[in-house]
């Protein structure tokens, strides 16, 4: 069974771009109700830009965290998983920032109508981290009132919280800023370190580097204790937890591992299978 999240095949570029620049999804805003569908607080969309309607497919399935891989190319921030997939039309603005800004305007200040919790936008930097982050910072500055900000020791929540992952060189220029519109994605090595949650609100790591269990058979007691300890330590510091490289093939192994992650109160479950995780979390809430 594949251990890493699988990539979804792209449909035509035209369909992807149509979805990218559309106004908020019909399902999410139909009827203009005071409260829209209940967001799934643990649902993280890995590589949702490879779905037919980047971002909007994830939001239609009520995800509260989405991920975009970016490359800095000639001053543009292009979204792609691999360099050979780069397309100058597929920018961070067109696929994510502009649709989010339009949706927040339509929903009077929130991504999900009637729900004030920020959407997490995890931005995975694929090119050199410092220069890419500084360009990204300039791009984010164009979207006033959209992003959670840090300024002189205080955090001011916004509709979207940008968290920077990927190339580790982004950390230095971020840490030097007294005000910024993004936060840093830490690793387990950062757990208990000196950086506060106002800089590192998220602890992410590769599941396979820390656990042997892949959902088959019983979860070893020592590993379950380790998982719960990680989550408790992070939460005590106001940080959230996410693992990538967890099983993502539908079946009992994936369900077993997801069940253990929920039981441990892991904050974000990582998937490319939007429908599968939505159904799992809905069933779990009904149980």
Protein backbone atom coordinates (compact mmCIF):
# COMPACT_ATOMS: atom_id res chain seq x y z
CA UNK A 1 0.00 0.00 0.00
CA UNK A 2 1.30 3.44 -0.83
CA UNK A 3 2.43 5.28 2.28
CA UNK A 4 2.46 8.80 0.93
CA UNK A 5 -0.51 10.81 -0.17
CA UNK A 6 -1.24 10.08 -3.78
CA UNK A 7 -1.46 12.76 -6.41
CA UNK A 8 -4.66 13.34 -8.29
CA UNK A 9 -4.52 13.62 -12.07
CA UNK A 10 -5.24 17.06 -13.48
CA UNK A 11 -8.18 17.56 -15.75
CA UNK A 12 -7.81 20.01 -18.59
CA UNK A 13 -6.01 23.24 -17.87
CA UNK A 14 -9.07 25.15 -18.95
CA UNK A 15 -11.21 23.48 -16.30
CA UNK A 16 -8.60 24.16 -13.65
CA UNK A 17 -8.33 27.84 -14.53
CA UNK A 18 -12.09 28.25 -14.73
CA UNK A 19 -12.40 26.88 -11.22
CA UNK A 20 -9.50 28.97 -10.01
CA UNK A 21 -10.96 32.33 -10.93
CA UNK A 22 -14.60 31.58 -10.18
CA UNK A 23 -16.44 33.35 -7.39
CA UNK A 24 -17.25 31.32 -4.24
CA UNK A 25 -18.52 27.82 -4.87
CA UNK A 26 -22.28 27.46 -5.32
CA UNK A 27 -22.59 24.76 -2.70
CA UNK A 28 -20.87 26.92 -0.10
CA UNK A 29 -23.00 30.03 -0.61
CA UNK A 30 -26.28 28.78 -2.07
CA UNK A 31 -29.27 30.52 -0.51
CA UNK A 32 -27.03 33.09 1.24
CA UNK A 33 -27.84 31.51 4.61
CA UNK A 34 -26.59 33.09 7.81
CA UNK A 35 -24.52 30.00 8.54
CA UNK A 36 -23.03 27.84 5.82
CA UNK A 37 -22.07 24.15 6.04
CA UNK A 38 -20.09 23.19 9.15
CA UNK A 39 -16.35 23.29 8.37
CA UNK A 40 -14.27 20.21 9.14
CA UNK A 41 -11.66 21.49 11.57
CA UNK A 42 -9.23 18.58 11.09
CA UNK A 43 -9.35 18.40 7.29
CA UNK A 44 -6.14 19.37 5.44
CA UNK A 45 -6.06 19.20 1.64
CA UNK A 46 -2.63 18.14 0.40
CA UNK A 47 -2.01 19.28 -3.20
CA UNK A 48 -5.63 20.27 -3.78
CA UNK A 49 -4.40 22.36 -6.73
CA UNK A 50 -4.22 19.07 -8.65
CA UNK A 51 -8.00 18.71 -8.41
CA UNK A 52 -10.29 20.04 -11.16
CA UNK A 53 -11.07 23.25 -9.22
CA UNK A 54 -8.07 24.23 -7.11
CA UNK A 55 -9.02 25.51 -3.65
CA UNK A 56 -12.74 25.48 -4.41
CA UNK A 57 -12.96 21.67 -4.44
CA UNK A 58 -11.41 21.63 -0.96
CA UNK A 59 -13.78 24.32 0.26
CA UNK A 60 -16.77 22.50 -1.21
CA UNK A 61 -15.76 19.55 0.98
CA UNK A 62 -15.52 21.93 3.99
CA UNK A 63 -11.76 21.66 4.49
CA UNK A 64 -10.23 24.17 6.90
CA UNK A 65 -6.62 23.81 5.74
CA UNK A 66 -5.26 23.75 2.19
CA UNK A 67 -1.75 23.45 0.79
CA UNK A 68 -0.05 25.09 -2.18
CA UNK A 69 3.47 24.34 -3.46
CA UNK A 70 5.12 27.43 -4.94
CA UNK A 71 8.12 28.20 -7.15
CA UNK A 72 9.60 31.67 -7.58
CA UNK A 73 10.01 32.19 -11.33
CA UNK A 74 10.80 35.65 -12.69
CA UNK A 75 9.08 37.44 -9.85
CA UNK A 76 5.97 35.26 -10.13
CA UNK A 77 4.88 32.67 -7.58
CA UNK A 78 3.79 29.66 -9.63
CA UNK A 79 1.86 26.74 -8.14
CA UNK A 80 2.96 23.22 -9.06
CA UNK A 81 4.15 20.00 -7.46
CA UNK A 82 7.04 19.45 -9.87
CA UNK A 83 9.06 21.90 -12.01
CA UNK A 84 7.90 20.30 -15.25
CA UNK A 85 4.31 21.24 -14.34
CA UNK A 86 5.00 24.98 -14.06
CA UNK A 87 2.57 27.16 -16.03
CA UNK A 88 2.71 30.98 -15.96
CA UNK A 89 -1.10 31.09 -15.78
CA UNK A 90 -1.18 29.06 -12.56
CA UNK A 91 -0.07 31.64 -10.02
CA UNK A 92 -0.65 31.74 -6.28
CA UNK A 93 -2.86 34.78 -6.86
CA UNK A 94 -5.08 33.21 -9.50
CA UNK A 95 -5.49 29.83 -7.79
CA UNK A 96 -5.67 30.90 -4.13
CA UNK A 97 -5.33 34.54 -3.13
CA UNK A 98 -7.85 36.12 -5.49
CA UNK A 99 -10.54 33.45 -4.94
CA UNK A 100 -10.06 33.66 -1.17
CA UNK A 101 -10.33 37.44 -1.21
CA UNK A 102 -13.53 37.24 -3.29
CA UNK A 103 -15.02 34.62 -0.99
CA UNK A 104 -14.22 36.58 2.17
CA UNK A 105 -15.83 39.69 0.67
CA UNK A 106 -18.93 37.70 -0.24
CA UNK A 107 -19.12 36.19 3.26
CA UNK A 108 -18.61 39.49 5.07
CA UNK A 109 -15.20 38.69 6.54
CA UNK A 110 -14.94 34.92 6.72
CA UNK A 111 -14.09 32.00 4.43
CA UNK A 112 -17.10 29.99 5.63
CA UNK A 113 -20.25 32.01 6.14
CA UNK A 114 -21.08 32.30 9.82
CA UNK A 115 -17.85 30.63 10.95
CA UNK A 116 -15.07 32.92 12.14
CA UNK A 117 -12.17 30.46 12.51
CA UNK A 118 -9.40 31.24 9.98
CA UNK A 119 -8.66 28.98 7.05
CA UNK A 120 -5.06 27.77 7.12
CA UNK A 121 -3.17 28.30 3.87
CA UNK A 122 -0.03 26.17 4.07
CA UNK A 123 2.45 27.48 1.49
CA UNK A 124 5.21 24.97 0.69
CA UNK A 125 8.23 26.76 -0.78
CA UNK A 126 9.98 24.68 -3.45
CA UNK A 127 12.64 27.20 -4.52
CA UNK A 128 15.29 28.87 -2.32
CA UNK A 129 13.50 29.76 0.87
CA UNK A 130 14.76 33.23 1.80
CA UNK A 131 14.30 34.91 -1.58
CA UNK A 132 11.00 33.14 -2.24
CA UNK A 133 9.61 34.15 1.13
CA UNK A 134 10.58 37.80 0.69
CA UNK A 135 8.76 37.85 -2.66
CA UNK A 136 5.80 36.05 -1.10
CA UNK A 137 5.69 38.64 1.67
CA UNK A 138 5.32 41.36 -0.98
CA UNK A 139 2.50 39.43 -2.61
CA UNK A 140 0.63 38.90 0.67
CA UNK A 141 0.87 42.62 1.45
CA UNK A 142 -1.42 43.34 -1.52
CA UNK A 143 -4.33 41.61 0.25
CA UNK A 144 -5.24 43.94 3.09
CA UNK A 145 -7.38 42.48 5.88
CA UNK A 146 -7.22 38.95 4.42
CA UNK A 147 -4.41 37.46 6.52
CA UNK A 148 -3.76 36.89 10.18
CA UNK A 149 -0.87 39.19 11.06
CA UNK A 150 1.87 39.36 13.65
CA UNK A 151 2.92 42.86 14.72
CA UNK A 152 5.28 43.80 17.53
CA UNK A 153 4.55 40.79 19.72
CA UNK A 154 0.82 40.48 19.07
CA UNK A 155 -1.21 38.26 16.74
CA UNK A 156 -4.25 39.76 15.00
CA UNK A 157 -6.53 37.04 13.53
CA UNK A 158 -7.76 37.36 9.96
CA UNK A 159 -9.93 35.19 7.70
CA UNK A 160 -6.86 33.31 6.39
CA UNK A 161 -3.70 32.29 8.25
CA UNK A 162 -0.69 31.73 5.98
CA UNK A 163 1.86 29.21 7.29
CA UNK A 164 5.18 28.83 5.47
CA UNK A 165 6.60 25.35 4.95
CA UNK A 166 9.12 23.82 2.55
CA UNK A 167 12.65 25.17 2.15
CA UNK A 168 14.00 25.91 5.63
CA UNK A 169 15.90 29.04 4.57
CA UNK A 170 12.64 31.00 4.86
CA UNK A 171 12.98 30.94 8.63
CA UNK A 172 15.74 33.55 8.91
CA UNK A 173 14.01 36.46 7.14
CA UNK A 174 10.71 35.59 8.83
CA UNK A 175 12.25 35.61 12.30
CA UNK A 176 13.84 39.00 11.62
CA UNK A 177 10.50 40.68 10.90
CA UNK A 178 8.73 42.69 13.59
CA UNK A 179 5.54 42.46 11.55
CA UNK A 180 4.50 39.83 9.03
CA UNK A 181 1.48 38.24 7.38
CA UNK A 182 2.67 34.65 7.70
CA UNK A 183 3.85 32.12 10.27
CA UNK A 184 6.34 29.27 10.24
CA UNK A 185 5.71 25.52 9.97
CA UNK A 186 7.94 23.85 12.55
CA UNK A 187 9.17 20.28 12.86
CA UNK A 188 9.20 17.93 15.85
CA UNK A 189 12.70 19.20 16.58
CA UNK A 190 11.09 22.60 17.31
CA UNK A 191 8.73 21.14 19.91
CA UNK A 192 9.72 22.60 23.26
CA UNK A 193 12.17 25.02 21.64
CA UNK A 194 12.47 28.75 22.23
CA UNK A 195 10.27 29.86 19.31
CA UNK A 196 6.75 30.71 20.54
CA UNK A 197 3.44 29.79 18.93
CA UNK A 198 3.26 33.35 17.60
CA UNK A 199 6.08 32.33 15.24
CA UNK A 200 5.57 28.54 14.99
CA UNK A 201 1.84 27.81 15.42
CA UNK A 202 2.10 24.47 13.59
CA UNK A 203 4.33 21.43 14.14
CA UNK A 204 4.45 19.16 11.06
CA UNK A 205 6.55 16.09 10.35
CA UNK A 206 6.86 12.93 8.29
CA UNK A 207 4.92 10.12 9.97
CA UNK A 208 7.28 7.44 8.68
CA UNK A 209 10.30 9.10 10.31
CA UNK A 210 8.82 8.70 13.79
CA UNK A 211 6.39 5.77 13.72
CA UNK A 212 6.56 2.23 12.34
CA UNK A 213 2.81 1.60 12.40
CA UNK A 214 0.97 2.01 9.08
CA UNK A 215 -2.53 1.04 10.19
CA UNK A 216 -2.15 -2.76 9.98
CA UNK A 217 -2.74 -4.67 13.19
CA UNK A 218 -2.69 -3.07 16.61
CA UNK A 219 -1.09 0.31 17.19
CA UNK A 220 1.95 -0.44 19.39
CA UNK A 221 1.34 0.93 22.88
CA UNK A 222 4.72 2.68 22.96
CA UNK A 223 3.98 4.48 19.70
CA UNK A 224 0.48 5.46 20.83
CA UNK A 225 1.95 6.92 24.00
CA UNK A 226 4.55 8.80 21.93
CA UNK A 227 1.86 10.24 19.63
CA UNK A 228 -0.29 11.43 22.52
CA UNK A 229 2.76 12.95 24.19
CA UNK A 230 3.66 14.91 21.06
CA UNK A 231 0.15 16.33 20.75
CA UNK A 232 -0.13 17.19 24.44
CA UNK A 233 3.24 18.96 24.43
CA UNK A 234 2.32 20.98 21.34
CA UNK A 235 -1.12 21.93 22.63
CA UNK A 236 0.35 23.04 25.95
CA UNK A 237 2.33 25.63 23.97
CA UNK A 238 -0.63 26.68 21.81
CA UNK A 239 0.66 24.81 18.74
CA UNK A 240 -1.17 22.50 16.34
CA UNK A 241 0.08 19.16 14.95
CA UNK A 242 0.08 17.68 11.44
CA UNK A 243 1.74 14.59 9.96
CA UNK A 244 2.35 13.95 6.28
CA UNK A 245 3.25 10.66 4.55
CA UNK A 246 0.39 8.84 6.25
CA UNK A 247 -1.48 6.10 4.33
CA UNK A 248 -3.93 7.63 1.86
CA UNK A 249 -5.25 4.59 -0.03
CA UNK A 250 -8.92 3.96 0.92
CA UNK A 251 -9.24 0.94 3.18
CA UNK A 252 -9.12 -0.30 6.76
CA UNK A 253 -5.47 0.66 7.28
CA UNK A 254 -6.10 4.31 6.47
CA UNK A 255 -9.25 4.36 8.60
CA UNK A 256 -7.39 2.77 11.51
CA UNK A 257 -4.61 5.33 11.37
CA UNK A 258 -6.99 8.25 10.98
CA UNK A 259 -8.96 6.96 13.96
CA UNK A 260 -5.82 6.96 16.10
CA UNK A 261 -4.92 10.48 14.94
CA UNK A 262 -8.36 11.76 15.93
CA UNK A 263 -8.20 9.94 19.27
CA UNK A 264 -4.85 11.63 19.97
CA UNK A 265 -6.39 15.01 19.03
CA UNK A 266 -4.05 15.60 16.07
CA UNK A 267 -5.23 18.86 14.55
CA UNK A 268 -4.85 18.23 10.80
CA UNK A 269 -5.38 14.98 8.88
CA UNK A 270 -3.48 15.07 5.59
CA UNK A 271 -5.11 13.75 2.40
CA UNK A 272 -5.53 14.05 -1.37
CA UNK A 273 -8.88 12.20 -1.08
CA UNK A 274 -11.24 15.06 -0.28
CA UNK A 275 -14.40 12.96 -0.41
CA UNK A 276 -12.85 10.17 1.66
CA UNK A 277 -11.74 12.36 4.55
CA UNK A 278 -15.00 14.31 4.54
CA UNK A 279 -16.98 11.07 4.84
CA UNK A 280 -14.66 9.73 7.55
CA UNK A 281 -14.88 12.86 9.72
CA UNK A 282 -18.66 13.10 9.31
CA UNK A 283 -19.03 9.44 10.31
CA UNK A 284 -16.72 9.94 13.28
CA UNK A 285 -18.76 12.92 14.48
CA UNK A 286 -21.97 10.89 14.22
CA UNK A 287 -20.54 7.92 16.15
